[in-house]
């Protein structure tokens, strides 16, 4: 397990696009595909629209996945020696993300609009 302090420091250094993918999950889009005649299978690459990570998959003719691998952009992965991220580490990443979000004037304005709409709904008969 990584030290919570190490993960917090790392999270503070992550660009928003990396932090959002760690918080919300990747936004995969088809990027490339090819038929592999030698193995009678498909190979495809999906790319994240936010952080540009890539997921490579090999699929059988019936659609089952026979292999999968990932390529992450520089700076996306945790620093060497951090180890597997546990629940508390993921919580630290989420807190960093929401801290940035509450400092975003556009998001705060939308939040205020949501609250006003909620309040209006409470006062109606």
Protein backbone atom coordinates (compact mmCIF):
# COMPACT_ATOMS: atom_id res chain seq x y z
CA UNK A 1 0.00 0.00 0.00
CA UNK A 2 1.22 3.48 -0.83
CA UNK A 3 1.61 6.05 1.87
CA UNK A 4 -1.49 8.26 1.84
CA UNK A 5 0.78 11.31 1.96
CA UNK A 6 2.71 10.16 -1.13
CA UNK A 7 -0.54 9.68 -3.08
CA UNK A 8 -1.84 13.10 -2.00
CA UNK A 9 1.36 14.78 -3.20
CA UNK A 10 1.26 12.86 -6.48
CA UNK A 11 -2.43 13.73 -6.98
CA UNK A 12 -1.66 17.43 -6.56
CA UNK A 13 0.83 17.19 -9.42
CA UNK A 14 -1.48 15.36 -11.84
CA UNK A 15 -2.96 17.33 -14.73
CA UNK A 16 -6.77 17.62 -14.59
CA UNK A 17 -7.25 15.21 -17.50
CA UNK A 18 -5.33 12.44 -15.68
CA UNK A 19 -7.08 13.11 -12.39
CA UNK A 20 -10.51 13.03 -14.07
CA UNK A 21 -9.79 9.64 -15.64
CA UNK A 22 -8.67 8.27 -12.29
CA UNK A 23 -11.83 9.67 -10.68
CA UNK A 24 -14.49 8.97 -13.36
CA UNK A 25 -12.83 6.24 -15.42
CA UNK A 26 -11.58 6.52 -18.96
CA UNK A 27 -13.74 7.74 -21.82
CA UNK A 28 -12.81 5.08 -24.38
CA UNK A 29 -13.32 5.70 -28.10
CA UNK A 30 -12.45 3.42 -31.03
CA UNK A 31 -9.09 4.49 -32.45
CA UNK A 32 -7.88 1.70 -34.77
CA UNK A 33 -8.90 -1.82 -35.83
CA UNK A 34 -7.52 -4.55 -38.06
CA UNK A 35 -8.21 -8.16 -38.92
CA UNK A 36 -5.32 -10.52 -38.18
CA UNK A 37 -5.56 -13.25 -40.82
CA UNK A 38 -2.75 -15.28 -39.26
CA UNK A 39 -4.67 -15.71 -35.97
CA UNK A 40 -8.16 -15.27 -37.45
CA UNK A 41 -8.93 -12.54 -34.94
CA UNK A 42 -9.42 -8.81 -34.61
CA UNK A 43 -7.04 -6.36 -33.02
CA UNK A 44 -8.33 -3.01 -31.93
CA UNK A 45 -7.08 0.01 -30.08
CA UNK A 46 -9.30 2.23 -27.98
CA UNK A 47 -8.07 5.67 -26.95
CA UNK A 48 -9.28 7.77 -24.03
CA UNK A 49 -10.74 11.05 -25.25
CA UNK A 50 -9.43 12.86 -22.14
CA UNK A 51 -5.98 11.54 -21.26
CA UNK A 52 -5.02 9.71 -24.48
CA UNK A 53 -4.31 6.38 -22.74
CA UNK A 54 -4.66 3.42 -25.10
CA UNK A 55 -6.23 0.01 -24.56
CA UNK A 56 -5.16 -2.71 -27.00
CA UNK A 57 -7.41 -5.75 -27.37
CA UNK A 58 -7.36 -8.99 -29.32
CA UNK A 59 -10.82 -10.41 -30.04
CA UNK A 60 -11.82 -13.80 -31.38
CA UNK A 61 -14.31 -14.08 -34.23
CA UNK A 62 -17.02 -14.65 -31.62
CA UNK A 63 -16.02 -11.46 -29.76
CA UNK A 64 -14.30 -12.93 -26.71
CA UNK A 65 -11.20 -11.08 -25.54
CA UNK A 66 -8.06 -13.16 -25.74
CA UNK A 67 -5.72 -10.43 -24.55
CA UNK A 68 -5.70 -6.84 -23.42
CA UNK A 69 -2.96 -4.35 -22.64
CA UNK A 70 -2.64 -0.66 -21.87
CA UNK A 71 -0.28 2.17 -22.78
CA UNK A 72 -0.44 5.23 -20.56
CA UNK A 73 0.95 8.68 -21.35
CA UNK A 74 3.97 9.89 -19.40
CA UNK A 75 2.97 11.05 -15.93
CA UNK A 76 -0.28 9.06 -15.74
CA UNK A 77 0.94 6.14 -13.68
CA UNK A 78 1.79 6.37 -9.99
CA UNK A 79 5.45 6.96 -9.12
CA UNK A 80 7.67 3.90 -8.94
CA UNK A 81 7.44 2.20 -5.56
CA UNK A 82 3.91 3.45 -4.86
CA UNK A 83 2.52 -0.05 -5.23
CA UNK A 84 -1.08 -1.01 -5.85
CA UNK A 85 -3.52 1.80 -5.09
CA UNK A 86 -5.98 0.82 -2.36
CA UNK A 87 -9.31 2.39 -1.44
CA UNK A 88 -7.76 5.15 0.69
CA UNK A 89 -5.41 6.05 -2.18
CA UNK A 90 -8.33 6.31 -4.60
CA UNK A 91 -10.16 8.45 -2.04
CA UNK A 92 -7.17 10.83 -1.98
CA UNK A 93 -7.34 11.14 -5.78
CA UNK A 94 -11.09 11.88 -5.62
CA UNK A 95 -10.61 14.53 -2.90
CA UNK A 96 -7.99 16.26 -5.03
CA UNK A 97 -10.39 16.21 -8.00
CA UNK A 98 -13.33 17.62 -6.04
CA UNK A 99 -11.09 20.26 -4.43
CA UNK A 100 -10.16 21.48 -7.89
CA UNK A 101 -13.80 21.37 -8.96
CA UNK A 102 -15.02 23.56 -6.08
CA UNK A 103 -12.44 26.13 -7.16
CA UNK A 104 -13.81 26.21 -10.72
CA UNK A 105 -16.16 29.22 -11.10
CA UNK A 106 -18.11 27.59 -13.95
CA UNK A 107 -18.82 24.45 -11.94
CA UNK A 108 -19.74 26.52 -8.88
CA UNK A 109 -22.19 28.60 -10.94
CA UNK A 110 -23.86 25.45 -12.27
CA UNK A 111 -24.02 24.09 -8.72
CA UNK A 112 -25.76 27.26 -7.55
CA UNK A 113 -28.23 26.95 -10.43
CA UNK A 114 -28.94 23.35 -9.46
CA UNK A 115 -29.53 24.38 -5.86
CA UNK A 116 -31.85 27.22 -6.91
CA UNK A 117 -33.86 24.83 -9.08
CA UNK A 118 -34.04 22.35 -6.20
CA UNK A 119 -35.27 25.10 -3.85
CA UNK A 120 -37.90 26.21 -6.38
CA UNK A 121 -39.13 22.63 -6.58
CA UNK A 122 -39.53 22.47 -2.78
CA UNK A 123 -41.74 25.58 -2.65
CA UNK A 124 -44.20 24.35 -5.25
CA UNK A 125 -47.45 22.80 -4.03
